Amino acid sequence: MSSTAHHDERFAKMAFASVYPHYLAKVQKKGRTEAELHQVIQWLTGFDASEVQQSIAAEVTFEQFFHRATLNPNARLITGTICGHRVEEIENPLTQQVRYLDKLVDELAKGRKMDKILRVE
């Protein structure tokens, strides 16, 4: 995916706190729990529930959020489309990381089994 600088900058400056409630509502609407959402976030970023809440309270941007994260080495196994773009083809690392999170939240909301979401082999 070739994205524009404006598109990438928009993701970088977007507050994690502004998106988190949408993630939570999406998974809860489909019968999943906040604990499961936190499990997915922790798998991808290394942040536990308390660190996620601290990030929300501090209103960190996605750029700050992912800069502090320790990305799971298996994140590269996240493939597929999100918003019409293949996540594995996104060139900007930060945009790709945000889309990895979007993809995991989508999989959780769609009822996919946790071991599949977390790429357990």
PDB file of N, CA and C in Angstrom:
ATOM      1  N   MET A   1       0.846  -1.165   0.000  1.00  0.00           N
ATOM      2  CA  MET A   1       0.000   0.000   0.000  1.00  0.00           C
ATOM      3  C   MET A   1       0.891   1.226   0.000  1.00  0.00           C
ATOM      4  N   SER A   2       0.706   2.044  -0.930  1.00  0.00           N
ATOM      5  CA  SER A   2       1.440   3.300  -0.917  1.00  0.00           C
ATOM      6  C   SER A   2       0.489   4.334  -0.352  1.00  0.00           C
ATOM      7  N   SER A   3       0.908   4.921   0.756  1.00  0.00           N
ATOM      8  CA  SER A   3       0.047   5.899   1.396  1.00  0.00           C
ATOM      9  C   SER A   3       0.674   7.274   1.291  1.00  0.00           C
ATOM     10  N   THR A   4      -0.122   8.245   1.549  1.00  0.00           N
ATOM     11  CA  THR A   4       0.385   9.609   1.472  1.00  0.00           C
ATOM     12  C   THR A   4       0.971  10.003   2.818  1.00  0.00           C
ATOM     13  N   ALA A   5       1.821  11.004   2.796  1.00  0.00           N
ATOM     14  CA  ALA A   5       2.412  11.517   4.035  1.00  0.00           C
ATOM     15  C   ALA A   5       1.303  12.027   4.957  1.00  0.00           C
ATOM     16  N   HIS A   6       0.287  12.643   4.362  1.00  0.00           N
ATOM     17  CA  HIS A   6      -0.835  13.158   5.161  1.00  0.00           C
ATOM     18  C   HIS A   6      -1.546  12.012   5.894  1.00  0.00           C
ATOM     19  N   HIS A   7      -1.781  10.923   5.192  1.00  0.00           N
ATOM     20  CA  HIS A   7      -2.445   9.752   5.759  1.00  0.00           C
ATOM     21  C   HIS A   7      -1.626   9.197   6.920  1.00  0.00           C
ATOM     22  N   ASP A   8      -0.324   9.043   6.717  1.00  0.00           N
ATOM     23  CA  ASP A   8       0.555   8.507   7.758  1.00  0.00           C
ATOM     24  C   ASP A   8       0.623   9.459   8.950  1.00  0.00           C
ATOM     25  N   GLU A   9       0.686  10.745   8.686  1.00  0.00           N
ATOM     26  CA  GLU A   9       0.748  11.754   9.740  1.00  0.00           C
ATOM     27  C   GLU A   9      -0.535  11.753  10.573  1.00  0.00           C
ATOM     28  N   ARG A  10      -1.656  11.533   9.913  1.00  0.00           N
ATOM     29  CA  ARG A  10      -2.943  11.481  10.607  1.00  0.00           C
ATOM     30  C   ARG A  10      -2.945  10.351  11.641  1.00  0.00           C
ATOM     31  N   PHE A  11      -2.434   9.186  11.248  1.00  0.00           N
ATOM     32  CA  PHE A  11      -2.344   8.070  12.193  1.00  0.00           C
ATOM     33  C   PHE A  11      -1.389   8.401  13.339  1.00  0.00           C
ATOM     34  N   ALA A  12      -0.262   8.997  13.019  1.00  0.00           N
ATOM     35  CA  ALA A  12       0.752   9.308  14.027  1.00  0.00           C
ATOM     36  C   ALA A  12       0.208  10.231  15.108  1.00  0.00           C
ATOM     37  N   LYS A  13      -0.585  11.208  14.721  1.00  0.00           N
ATOM     38  CA  LYS A  13      -1.073  12.228  15.660  1.00  0.00           C
ATOM     39  C   LYS A  13      -2.411  11.871  16.323  1.00  0.00           C
ATOM     40  N   MET A  14      -3.050  10.807  15.858  1.00  0.00           N
ATOM     41  CA  MET A  14      -4.332  10.406  16.422  1.00  0.00           C
ATOM     42  C   MET A  14      -4.127   9.859  17.836  1.00  0.00           C
ATOM     43  N   ALA A  15      -4.964  10.274  18.761  1.00  0.00           N
ATOM     44  CA  ALA A  15      -4.855   9.813  20.146  1.00  0.00           C
ATOM     45  C   ALA A  15      -5.401   8.393  20.272  1.00  0.00           C
ATOM     46  N   PHE A  16      -4.619   7.539  20.920  1.00  0.00           N
ATOM     47  CA  PHE A  16      -5.068   6.170  21.187  1.00  0.00           C
ATOM     48  C   PHE A  16      -6.382   6.204  21.969  1.00  0.00           C
ATOM     49  N   ALA A  17      -6.485   7.142  22.906  1.00  0.00           N
ATOM     50  CA  ALA A  17      -7.694   7.272  23.731  1.00  0.00           C
ATOM     51  C   ALA A  17      -8.945   7.567  22.904  1.00  0.00           C
ATOM     52  N   SER A  18      -8.781   8.188  21.755  1.00  0.00           N
ATOM     53  CA  SER A  18      -9.946   8.506  20.925  1.00  0.00           C
ATOM     54  C   SER A  18     -10.456   7.283  20.166  1.00  0.00           C
ATOM     55  N   VAL A  19      -9.609   6.281  19.994  1.00  0.00           N
ATOM     56  CA  VAL A  19      -9.980   5.097  19.227  1.00  0.00           C
ATOM     57  C   VAL A  19     -10.360   3.922  20.133  1.00  0.00           C
ATOM     58  N   TYR A  20      -9.742   3.857  21.294  1.00  0.00           N
ATOM     59  CA  TYR A  20      -9.980   2.735  22.206  1.00  0.00           C
ATOM     60  C   TYR A  20     -11.471   2.485  22.481  1.00  0.00           C
ATOM     61  N   PRO A  21     -12.290   3.515  22.783  1.00  0.00           N
ATOM     62  CA  PRO A  21     -13.715   3.247  23.032  1.00  0.00           C
ATOM     63  C   PRO A  21     -14.418   2.585  21.836  1.00  0.00           C
ATOM     64  N   HIS A  22     -13.960   2.895  20.633  1.00  0.00           N
ATOM     65  CA  HIS A  22     -14.550   2.277  19.435  1.00  0.00           C
ATOM     66  C   HIS A  22     -14.161   0.802  19.351  1.00  0.00           C
ATOM     67  N   TYR A  23     -12.891   0.511  19.681  1.00  0.00           N
ATOM     68  CA  TYR A  23     -12.463  -0.895  19.733  1.00  0.00           C
ATOM     69  C   TYR A  23     -13.319  -1.665  20.737  1.00  0.00           C
ATOM     70  N   LEU A  24     -13.466  -1.099  21.934  1.00  0.00           N
ATOM     71  CA  LEU A  24     -14.203  -1.764  22.996  1.00  0.00           C
ATOM     72  C   LEU A  24     -15.666  -1.973  22.602  1.00  0.00           C
ATOM     73  N   ALA A  25     -16.299  -0.947  22.078  1.00  0.00           N
ATOM     74  CA  ALA A  25     -17.707  -1.063  21.672  1.00  0.00           C
ATOM     75  C   ALA A  25     -17.868  -2.120  20.581  1.00  0.00           C
ATOM     76  N   LYS A  26     -16.937  -2.154  19.656  1.00  0.00           N
ATOM     77  CA  LYS A  26     -17.017  -3.107  18.545  1.00  0.00           C
ATOM     78  C   LYS A  26     -16.970  -4.545  19.053  1.00  0.00           C
ATOM     79  N   VAL A  27     -16.039  -4.847  19.956  1.00  0.00           N
ATOM     80  CA  VAL A  27     -15.926  -6.227  20.429  1.00  0.00           C
ATOM     81  C   VAL A  27     -17.062  -6.590  21.379  1.00  0.00           C
ATOM     82  N   GLN A  28     -17.477  -5.649  22.225  1.00  0.00           N
ATOM     83  CA  GLN A  28     -18.576  -5.941  23.155  1.00  0.00           C
ATOM     84  C   GLN A  28     -19.897  -6.141  22.420  1.00  0.00           C
ATOM     85  N   LYS A  29     -20.097  -5.397  21.349  1.00  0.00           N
ATOM     86  CA  LYS A  29     -21.319  -5.534  20.554  1.00  0.00           C
ATOM     87  C   LYS A  29     -21.433  -6.949  19.986  1.00  0.00           C
ATOM     88  N   LYS A  30     -20.284  -7.592  19.784  1.00  0.00           N
ATOM     89  CA  LYS A  30     -20.268  -8.945  19.227  1.00  0.00           C
ATOM     90  C   LYS A  30     -20.081 -10.011  20.312  1.00  0.00           C
ATOM     91  N   GLY A  31     -20.262  -9.608  21.587  1.00  0.00           N
ATOM     92  CA  GLY A  31     -20.226 -10.587  22.664  1.00  0.00           C
ATOM     93  C   GLY A  31     -18.847 -10.905  23.218  1.00  0.00           C
ATOM     94  N   ARG A  32     -17.853 -10.145  22.847  1.00  0.00           N
ATOM     95  CA  ARG A  32     -16.508 -10.361  23.395  1.00  0.00           C
ATOM     96  C   ARG A  32     -16.311  -9.406  24.569  1.00  0.00           C
ATOM     97  N   THR A  33     -15.255  -9.634  25.357  1.00  0.00           N
ATOM     98  CA  THR A  33     -15.068  -8.871  26.589  1.00  0.00           C
ATOM     99  C   THR A  33     -13.907  -7.882  26.496  1.00  0.00           C
ATOM    100  N   GLU A  34     -13.916  -6.955  27.450  1.00  0.00           N
ATOM    101  CA  GLU A  34     -12.803  -6.012  27.543  1.00  0.00           C
ATOM    102  C   GLU A  34     -11.508  -6.765  27.864  1.00  0.00           C
ATOM    103  N   ALA A  35     -11.604  -7.812  28.673  1.00  0.00           N
ATOM    104  CA  ALA A  35     -10.419  -8.614  29.002  1.00  0.00           C
ATOM    105  C   ALA A  35      -9.826  -9.235  27.743  1.00  0.00           C
ATOM    106  N   GLU A  36     -10.683  -9.704  26.840  1.00  0.00           N
ATOM    107  CA  GLU A  36     -10.186 -10.276  25.580  1.00  0.00           C
ATOM    108  C   GLU A  36      -9.531  -9.201  24.718  1.00  0.00           C
ATOM    109  N   LEU A  37     -10.112  -8.007  24.695  1.00  0.00           N
ATOM    110  CA  LEU A  37      -9.511  -6.901  23.960  1.00  0.00           C
ATOM    111  C   LEU A  37      -8.130  -6.603  24.526  1.00  0.00           C
ATOM    112  N   HIS A  38      -8.018  -6.562  25.846  1.00  0.00           N
ATOM    113  CA  HIS A  38      -6.723  -6.281  26.472  1.00  0.00           C
ATOM    114  C   HIS A  38      -5.718  -7.396  26.188  1.00  0.00           C
ATOM    115  N   GLN A  39      -6.201  -8.632  26.108  1.00  0.00           N
ATOM    116  CA  GLN A  39      -5.318  -9.756  25.771  1.00  0.00           C
ATOM    117  C   GLN A  39      -4.726  -9.573  24.379  1.00  0.00           C
ATOM    118  N   VAL A  40      -5.545  -9.149  23.447  1.00  0.00           N
ATOM    119  CA  VAL A  40      -5.093  -8.907  22.078  1.00  0.00           C
ATOM    120  C   VAL A  40      -4.095  -7.751  22.035  1.00  0.00           C
ATOM    121  N   ILE A  41      -4.414  -6.664  22.743  1.00  0.00           N
ATOM    122  CA  ILE A  41      -3.511  -5.512  22.771  1.00  0.00           C
ATOM    123  C   ILE A  41      -2.180  -5.899  23.412  1.00  0.00           C
ATOM    124  N   GLN A  42      -2.247  -6.677  24.492  1.00  0.00           N
ATOM    125  CA  GLN A  42      -1.009  -7.085  25.163  1.00  0.00           C
ATOM    126  C   GLN A  42      -0.173  -7.988  24.265  1.00  0.00           C
ATOM    127  N   TRP A  43      -0.807  -8.888  23.538  1.00  0.00           N
ATOM    128  CA  TRP A  43      -0.060  -9.755  22.630  1.00  0.00           C
ATOM    129  C   TRP A  43       0.707  -8.918  21.600  1.00  0.00           C
ATOM    130  N   LEU A  44       0.047  -7.923  21.040  1.00  0.00           N
ATOM    131  CA  LEU A  44       0.677  -7.111  19.992  1.00  0.00           C
ATOM    132  C   LEU A  44       1.726  -6.157  20.547  1.00  0.00           C
ATOM    133  N   THR A  45       1.425  -5.498  21.668  1.00  0.00           N
ATOM    134  CA  THR A  45       2.269  -4.386  22.134  1.00  0.00           C
ATOM    135  C   THR A  45       3.103  -4.678  23.375  1.00  0.00           C
ATOM    136  N   GLY A  46       2.713  -5.685  24.134  1.00  0.00           N
ATOM    137  CA  GLY A  46       3.377  -5.954  25.403  1.00  0.00           C
ATOM    138  C   GLY A  46       2.771  -5.184  26.561  1.00  0.00           C
ATOM    139  N   PHE A  47       1.785  -4.309  26.317  1.00  0.00           N
ATOM    140  CA  PHE A  47       1.158  -3.504  27.364  1.00  0.00           C
ATOM    141  C   PHE A  47       0.075  -4.300  28.075  1.00  0.00           C
ATOM    142  N   ASP A  48       0.145  -4.333  29.409  1.00  0.00           N
ATOM    143  CA  ASP A  48      -0.935  -4.954  30.158  1.00  0.00           C
ATOM    144  C   ASP A  48      -2.098  -3.960  30.294  1.00  0.00           C
ATOM    145  N   ALA A  49      -3.178  -4.412  30.912  1.00  0.00           N
ATOM    146  CA  ALA A  49      -4.392  -3.577  31.016  1.00  0.00           C
ATOM    147  C   ALA A  49      -4.110  -2.250  31.715  1.00  0.00           C
ATOM    148  N   SER A  50      -3.266  -2.275  32.730  1.00  0.00           N
ATOM    149  CA  SER A  50      -2.946  -1.044  33.458  1.00  0.00           C
ATOM    150  C   SER A  50      -2.168  -0.069  32.575  1.00  0.00           C
ATOM    151  N   GLU A  51      -1.245  -0.580  31.774  1.00  0.00           N
ATOM    152  CA  GLU A  51      -0.482   0.288  30.866  1.00  0.00           C
ATOM    153  C   GLU A  51      -1.373   0.854  29.764  1.00  0.00           C
ATOM    154  N   VAL A  52      -2.342   0.068  29.320  1.00  0.00           N
ATOM    155  CA  VAL A  52      -3.303   0.561  28.335  1.00  0.00           C
ATOM    156  C   VAL A  52      -4.094   1.712  28.946  1.00  0.00           C
ATOM    157  N   GLN A  53      -4.564   1.536  30.179  1.00  0.00           N
ATOM    158  CA  GLN A  53      -5.333   2.587  30.846  1.00  0.00           C
ATOM    159  C   GLN A  53      -4.487   3.837  31.070  1.00  0.00           C
ATOM    160  N   GLN A  54      -3.206   3.657  31.399  1.00  0.00           N
ATOM    161  CA  GLN A  54      -2.307   4.804  31.560  1.00  0.00           C
ATOM    162  C   GLN A  54      -2.148   5.550  30.232  1.00  0.00           C
ATOM    163  N   SER A  55      -2.048   4.811  29.144  1.00  0.00           N
ATOM    164  CA  SER A  55      -1.922   5.430  27.817  1.00  0.00           C
ATOM    165  C   SER A  55      -3.172   6.224  27.470  1.00  0.00           C
ATOM    166  N   ILE A  56      -4.324   5.688  27.842  1.00  0.00           N
ATOM    167  CA  ILE A  56      -5.589   6.383  27.601  1.00  0.00           C
ATOM    168  C   ILE A  56      -5.643   7.666  28.434  1.00  0.00           C
ATOM    169  N   ALA A  57      -5.311   7.552  29.712  1.00  0.00           N
ATOM    170  CA  ALA A  57      -5.364   8.708  30.614  1.00  0.00           C
ATOM    171  C   ALA A  57      -4.390   9.802  30.178  1.00  0.00           C
ATOM    172  N   ALA A  58      -3.235   9.405  29.674  1.00  0.00           N
ATOM    173  CA  ALA A  58      -2.221  10.375  29.248  1.00  0.00           C
ATOM    174  C   ALA A  58      -2.499  10.920  27.848  1.00  0.00           C
ATOM    175  N   GLU A  59      -3.527  10.364  27.203  1.00  0.00           N
ATOM    176  CA  GLU A  59      -3.904  10.767  25.845  1.00  0.00           C
ATOM    177  C   GLU A  59      -2.719  10.721  24.870  1.00  0.00           C
ATOM    178  N   VAL A  60      -1.983   9.594  24.933  1.00  0.00           N
ATOM    179  CA  VAL A  60      -0.840   9.439  24.035  1.00  0.00           C
ATOM    180  C   VAL A  60      -1.323   9.249  22.598  1.00  0.00           C
ATOM    181  N   THR A  61      -0.507   9.673  21.674  1.00  0.00           N
ATOM    182  CA  THR A  61      -0.812   9.469  20.257  1.00  0.00           C
ATOM    183  C   THR A  61      -0.441   8.038  19.885  1.00  0.00           C
ATOM    184  N   PHE A  62      -0.914   7.584  18.741  1.00  0.00           N
ATOM    185  CA  PHE A  62      -0.509   6.262  18.261  1.00  0.00           C
ATOM    186  C   PHE A  62       1.011   6.209  18.072  1.00  0.00           C
ATOM    187  N   GLU A  63       1.596   7.319  17.648  1.00  0.00           N
ATOM    188  CA  GLU A  63       3.045   7.366  17.478  1.00  0.00           C
ATOM    189  C   GLU A  63       3.738   7.095  18.819  1.00  0.00           C
ATOM    190  N   GLN A  64       3.307   7.749  19.874  1.00  0.00           N
ATOM    191  CA  GLN A  64       3.887   7.529  21.193  1.00  0.00           C
ATOM    192  C   GLN A  64       3.584   6.119  21.702  1.00  0.00           C
ATOM    193  N   PHE A  65       2.367   5.672  21.485  1.00  0.00           N
ATOM    194  CA  PHE A  65       1.922   4.355  21.941  1.00  0.00           C
ATOM    195  C   PHE A  65       2.803   3.254  21.350  1.00  0.00           C
ATOM    196  N   PHE A  66       2.957   3.275  20.040  1.00  0.00           N
ATOM    197  CA  PHE A  66       3.738   2.217  19.403  1.00  0.00           C
ATOM    198  C   PHE A  66       5.242   2.417  19.564  1.00  0.00           C
ATOM    199  N   HIS A  67       5.683   3.649  19.801  1.00  0.00           N
ATOM    200  CA  HIS A  67       7.102   3.888  20.065  1.00  0.00           C
ATOM    201  C   HIS A  67       7.511   3.213  21.377  1.00  0.00           C
ATOM    202  N   ARG A  68       6.612   3.230  22.352  1.00  0.00           N
ATOM    203  CA  ARG A  68       6.887   2.612  23.652  1.00  0.00           C
ATOM    204  C   ARG A  68       6.625   1.111  23.660  1.00  0.00           C
ATOM    205  N   ALA A  69       5.894   0.630  22.694  1.00  0.00           N
ATOM    206  CA  ALA A  69       5.511  -0.788  22.658  1.00  0.00           C
ATOM    207  C   ALA A  69       6.686  -1.680  22.249  1.00  0.00           C
ATOM    208  N   THR A  70       6.590  -2.923  22.683  1.00  0.00           N
ATOM    209  CA  THR A  70       7.496  -3.963  22.211  1.00  0.00           C
ATOM    210  C   THR A  70       6.648  -4.857  21.319  1.00  0.00           C
ATOM    211  N   LEU A  71       6.732  -4.621  20.020  1.00  0.00           N
ATOM    212  CA  LEU A  71       5.874  -5.336  19.076  1.00  0.00           C
ATOM    213  C   LEU A  71       6.189  -6.840  19.089  1.00  0.00           C
ATOM    214  N   ASN A  72       5.149  -7.630  19.145  1.00  0.00           N
ATOM    215  CA  ASN A  72       5.312  -9.079  19.118  1.00  0.00           C
ATOM    216  C   ASN A  72       6.007  -9.486  17.823  1.00  0.00           C
ATOM    217  N   PRO A  73       7.037 -10.337  17.905  1.00  0.00           N
ATOM    218  CA  PRO A  73       7.734 -10.754  16.679  1.00  0.00           C
ATOM    219  C   PRO A  73       6.831 -11.478  15.679  1.00  0.00           C
ATOM    220  N   ASN A  74       5.733 -12.059  16.167  1.00  0.00           N
ATOM    221  CA  ASN A  74       4.804 -12.737  15.268  1.00  0.00           C
ATOM    222  C   ASN A  74       3.783 -11.795  14.639  1.00  0.00           C
ATOM    223  N   ALA A  75       3.894 -10.497  14.909  1.00  0.00           N
ATOM    224  CA  ALA A  75       2.973  -9.533  14.300  1.00  0.00           C
ATOM    225  C   ALA A  75       3.054  -9.600  12.782  1.00  0.00           C
ATOM    226  N   ARG A  76       4.213  -9.963  12.260  1.00  0.00           N
ATOM    227  CA  ARG A  76       4.372 -10.073  10.799  1.00  0.00           C
ATOM    228  C   ARG A  76       3.453 -11.145  10.201  1.00  0.00           C
ATOM    229  N   LEU A  77       2.926 -12.018  11.062  1.00  0.00           N
ATOM    230  CA  LEU A  77       2.007 -13.060  10.582  1.00  0.00           C
ATOM    231  C   LEU A  77       0.589 -12.536  10.383  1.00  0.00           C
ATOM    232  N   ILE A  78       0.345 -11.296  10.790  1.00  0.00           N
ATOM    233  CA  ILE A  78      -0.981 -10.688  10.602  1.00  0.00           C
ATOM    234  C   ILE A  78      -1.090 -10.272   9.143  1.00  0.00           C
ATOM    235  N   THR A  79      -2.029 -10.880   8.466  1.00  0.00           N
ATOM    236  CA  THR A  79      -2.223 -10.588   7.043  1.00  0.00           C
ATOM    237  C   THR A  79      -3.705 -10.370   6.785  1.00  0.00           C
ATOM    238  N   GLY A  80      -3.990  -9.917   5.602  1.00  0.00           N
ATOM    239  CA  GLY A  80      -5.378  -9.708   5.217  1.00  0.00           C
ATOM    240  C   GLY A  80      -5.661  -8.245   4.969  1.00  0.00           C
ATOM    241  N   THR A  81      -6.918  -7.958   4.744  1.00  0.00           N
ATOM    242  CA  THR A  81      -7.274  -6.579   4.407  1.00  0.00           C
ATOM    243  C   THR A  81      -7.958  -5.894   5.577  1.00  0.00           C
ATOM    244  N   ILE A  82      -7.703  -4.617   5.652  1.00  0.00           N
ATOM    245  CA  ILE A  82      -8.368  -3.743   6.605  1.00  0.00           C
ATOM    246  C   ILE A  82      -8.616  -2.433   5.873  1.00  0.00           C
ATOM    247  N   CYS A  83      -9.851  -2.010   5.832  1.00  0.00           N
ATOM    248  CA  CYS A  83     -10.228  -0.789   5.107  1.00  0.00           C
ATOM    249  C   CYS A  83      -9.751  -0.835   3.648  1.00  0.00           C
ATOM    250  N   GLY A  84      -9.802  -2.006   3.066  1.00  0.00           N
ATOM    251  CA  GLY A  84      -9.445  -2.154   1.652  1.00  0.00           C
ATOM    252  C   GLY A  84      -7.968  -2.238   1.351  1.00  0.00           C
ATOM    253  N   HIS A  85      -7.124  -2.288   2.389  1.00  0.00           N
ATOM    254  CA  HIS A  85      -5.680  -2.351   2.168  1.00  0.00           C
ATOM    255  C   HIS A  85      -5.120  -3.616   2.808  1.00  0.00           C
ATOM    256  N   ARG A  86      -4.195  -4.262   2.143  1.00  0.00           N
ATOM    257  CA  ARG A  86      -3.538  -5.444   2.703  1.00  0.00           C
ATOM    258  C   ARG A  86      -2.525  -4.977   3.750  1.00  0.00           C
ATOM    259  N   VAL A  87      -2.669  -5.435   4.977  1.00  0.00           N
ATOM    260  CA  VAL A  87      -1.808  -4.954   6.061  1.00  0.00           C
ATOM    261  C   VAL A  87      -0.344  -5.302   5.829  1.00  0.00           C
ATOM    262  N   GLU A  88      -0.089  -6.429   5.208  1.00  0.00           N
ATOM    263  CA  GLU A  88       1.301  -6.838   4.983  1.00  0.00           C
ATOM    264  C   GLU A  88       2.002  -5.996   3.910  1.00  0.00           C
ATOM    265  N   GLU A  89       1.252  -5.207   3.163  1.00  0.00           N
ATOM    266  CA  GLU A  89       1.834  -4.381   2.098  1.00  0.00           C
ATOM    267  C   GLU A  89       1.954  -2.907   2.486  1.00  0.00           C
ATOM    268  N   ILE A  90       1.547  -2.546   3.687  1.00  0.00           N
ATOM    269  CA  ILE A  90       1.633  -1.153   4.125  1.00  0.00           C
ATOM    270  C   ILE A  90       3.097  -0.812   4.357  1.00  0.00           C
ATOM    271  N   GLU A  91       3.550   0.257   3.734  1.00  0.00           N
ATOM    272  CA  GLU A  91       4.966   0.605   3.763  1.00  0.00           C
ATOM    273  C   GLU A  91       5.392   1.362   5.011  1.00  0.00           C
ATOM    274  N   ASN A  92       4.566   2.253   5.518  1.00  0.00           N
ATOM    275  CA  ASN A  92       4.922   3.034   6.700  1.00  0.00           C
ATOM    276  C   ASN A  92       4.786   2.151   7.941  1.00  0.00           C
ATOM    277  N   PRO A  93       5.871   1.966   8.717  1.00  0.00           N
ATOM    278  CA  PRO A  93       5.816   1.065   9.868  1.00  0.00           C
ATOM    279  C   PRO A  93       4.740   1.421  10.898  1.00  0.00           C
ATOM    280  N   LEU A  94       4.580   2.693  11.222  1.00  0.00           N
ATOM    281  CA  LEU A  94       3.574   3.076  12.208  1.00  0.00           C
ATOM    282  C   LEU A  94       2.168   2.808  11.689  1.00  0.00           C
ATOM    283  N   THR A  95       1.896   3.189  10.466  1.00  0.00           N
ATOM    284  CA  THR A  95       0.580   2.934   9.872  1.00  0.00           C
ATOM    285  C   THR A  95       0.299   1.434   9.873  1.00  0.00           C
ATOM    286  N   GLN A  96       1.319   0.637   9.555  1.00  0.00           N
ATOM    287  CA  GLN A  96       1.148  -0.812   9.553  1.00  0.00           C
ATOM    288  C   GLN A  96       0.831  -1.321  10.965  1.00  0.00           C
ATOM    289  N   GLN A  97       1.494  -0.801  11.974  1.00  0.00           N
ATOM    290  CA  GLN A  97       1.244  -1.239  13.343  1.00  0.00           C
ATOM    291  C   GLN A  97      -0.174  -0.893  13.784  1.00  0.00           C
ATOM    292  N   VAL A  98      -0.632   0.301  13.442  1.00  0.00           N
ATOM    293  CA  VAL A  98      -2.012   0.685  13.766  1.00  0.00           C
ATOM    294  C   VAL A  98      -2.982  -0.264  13.064  1.00  0.00           C
ATOM    295  N   ARG A  99      -2.714  -0.572  11.829  1.00  0.00           N
ATOM    296  CA  ARG A  99      -3.587  -1.481  11.072  1.00  0.00           C
ATOM    297  C   ARG A  99      -3.507  -2.911  11.596  1.00  0.00           C
ATOM    298  N   TYR A 100      -2.347  -3.317  12.123  1.00  0.00           N
ATOM    299  CA  TYR A 100      -2.263  -4.628  12.790  1.00  0.00           C
ATOM    300  C   TYR A 100      -3.273  -4.670  13.939  1.00  0.00           C
ATOM    301  N   LEU A 101      -3.288  -3.621  14.739  1.00  0.00           N
ATOM    302  CA  LEU A 101      -4.214  -3.571  15.867  1.00  0.00           C
ATOM    303  C   LEU A 101      -5.656  -3.578  15.371  1.00  0.00           C
ATOM    304  N   ASP A 102      -5.943  -2.794  14.345  1.00  0.00           N
ATOM    305  CA  ASP A 102      -7.293  -2.787  13.763  1.00  0.00           C
ATOM    306  C   ASP A 102      -7.696  -4.189  13.310  1.00  0.00           C
ATOM    307  N   LYS A 103      -6.786  -4.889  12.673  1.00  0.00           N
ATOM    308  CA  LYS A 103      -7.066  -6.223  12.149  1.00  0.00           C
ATOM    309  C   LYS A 103      -7.349  -7.207  13.288  1.00  0.00           C
ATOM    310  N   LEU A 104      -6.548  -7.140  14.353  1.00  0.00           N
ATOM    311  CA  LEU A 104      -6.773  -8.027  15.493  1.00  0.00           C
ATOM    312  C   LEU A 104      -8.122  -7.753  16.148  1.00  0.00           C
ATOM    313  N   VAL A 105      -8.480  -6.486  16.289  1.00  0.00           N
ATOM    314  CA  VAL A 105      -9.777  -6.123  16.870  1.00  0.00           C
ATOM    315  C   VAL A 105     -10.903  -6.642  15.978  1.00  0.00           C
ATOM    316  N   ASP A 106     -10.754  -6.512  14.669  1.00  0.00           N
ATOM    317  CA  ASP A 106     -11.759  -7.041  13.740  1.00  0.00           C
ATOM    318  C   ASP A 106     -11.918  -8.550  13.907  1.00  0.00           C
ATOM    319  N   GLU A 107     -10.795  -9.255  13.995  1.00  0.00           N
ATOM    320  CA  GLU A 107     -10.854 -10.713  14.148  1.00  0.00           C
ATOM    321  C   GLU A 107     -11.542 -11.095  15.453  1.00  0.00           C
ATOM    322  N   LEU A 108     -11.252 -10.356  16.513  1.00  0.00           N
ATOM    323  CA  LEU A 108     -11.893 -10.613  17.806  1.00  0.00           C
ATOM    324  C   LEU A 108     -13.402 -10.393  17.691  1.00  0.00           C
ATOM    325  N   ALA A 109     -13.791  -9.296  17.088  1.00  0.00           N
ATOM    326  CA  ALA A 109     -15.208  -8.971  16.936  1.00  0.00           C
ATOM    327  C   ALA A 109     -15.936  -9.979  16.049  1.00  0.00           C
ATOM    328  N   LYS A 110     -15.223 -10.565  15.112  1.00  0.00           N
ATOM    329  CA  LYS A 110     -15.858 -11.523  14.205  1.00  0.00           C
ATOM    330  C   LYS A 110     -15.961 -12.920  14.810  1.00  0.00           C
ATOM    331  N   GLY A 111     -15.488 -13.064  16.063  1.00  0.00           N
ATOM    332  CA  GLY A 111     -15.645 -14.344  16.738  1.00  0.00           C
ATOM    333  C   GLY A 111     -14.534 -15.343  16.491  1.00  0.00           C
ATOM    334  N   ARG A 112     -13.459 -14.897  15.911  1.00  0.00           N
ATOM    335  CA  ARG A 112     -12.336 -15.808  15.665  1.00  0.00           C
ATOM    336  C   ARG A 112     -11.792 -16.311  17.003  1.00  0.00           C
ATOM    337  N   LYS A 113     -11.325 -17.546  17.034  1.00  0.00           N
ATOM    338  CA  LYS A 113     -10.786 -18.119  18.264  1.00  0.00           C
ATOM    339  C   LYS A 113      -9.504 -17.402  18.651  1.00  0.00           C
ATOM    340  N   MET A 114      -9.308 -17.243  19.960  1.00  0.00           N
ATOM    341  CA  MET A 114      -8.177 -16.473  20.476  1.00  0.00           C
ATOM    342  C   MET A 114      -6.834 -17.045  20.020  1.00  0.00           C
ATOM    343  N   ASP A 115      -6.692 -18.368  19.971  1.00  0.00           N
ATOM    344  CA  ASP A 115      -5.399 -18.917  19.544  1.00  0.00           C
ATOM    345  C   ASP A 115      -5.092 -18.583  18.087  1.00  0.00           C
ATOM    346  N   LYS A 116      -6.115 -18.417  17.284  1.00  0.00           N
ATOM    347  CA  LYS A 116      -5.923 -18.008  15.889  1.00  0.00           C
ATOM    348  C   LYS A 116      -5.558 -16.513  15.807  1.00  0.00           C
ATOM    349  N   ILE A 117      -6.245 -15.696  16.614  1.00  0.00           N
ATOM    350  CA  ILE A 117      -5.968 -14.263  16.634  1.00  0.00           C
ATOM    351  C   ILE A 117      -4.532 -14.012  17.074  1.00  0.00           C
ATOM    352  N   LEU A 118      -4.090 -14.766  18.089  1.00  0.00           N
ATOM    353  CA  LEU A 118      -2.763 -14.565  18.654  1.00  0.00           C
ATOM    354  C   LEU A 118      -1.681 -15.357  17.907  1.00  0.00           C
ATOM    355  N   ARG A 119      -2.053 -15.923  16.792  1.00  0.00           N
ATOM    356  CA  ARG A 119      -1.115 -16.629  15.925  1.00  0.00           C
ATOM    357  C   ARG A 119      -0.317 -17.686  16.685  1.00  0.00           C
ATOM    358  N   VAL A 120      -1.060 -18.485  17.500  1.00  0.00           N
ATOM    359  CA  VAL A 120      -0.447 -19.583  18.222  1.00  0.00           C
ATOM    360  C   VAL A 120      -0.297 -20.741  17.244  1.00  0.00           C
ATOM    361  N   GLU A 121       0.893 -21.270  17.205  1.00  0.00           N
ATOM    362  CA  GLU A 121       1.126 -22.350  16.229  1.00  0.00           C
ATOM    363  C   GLU A 121       0.944 -23.706  16.841  1.00  0.00           C
TER     364      GLU A 121
END
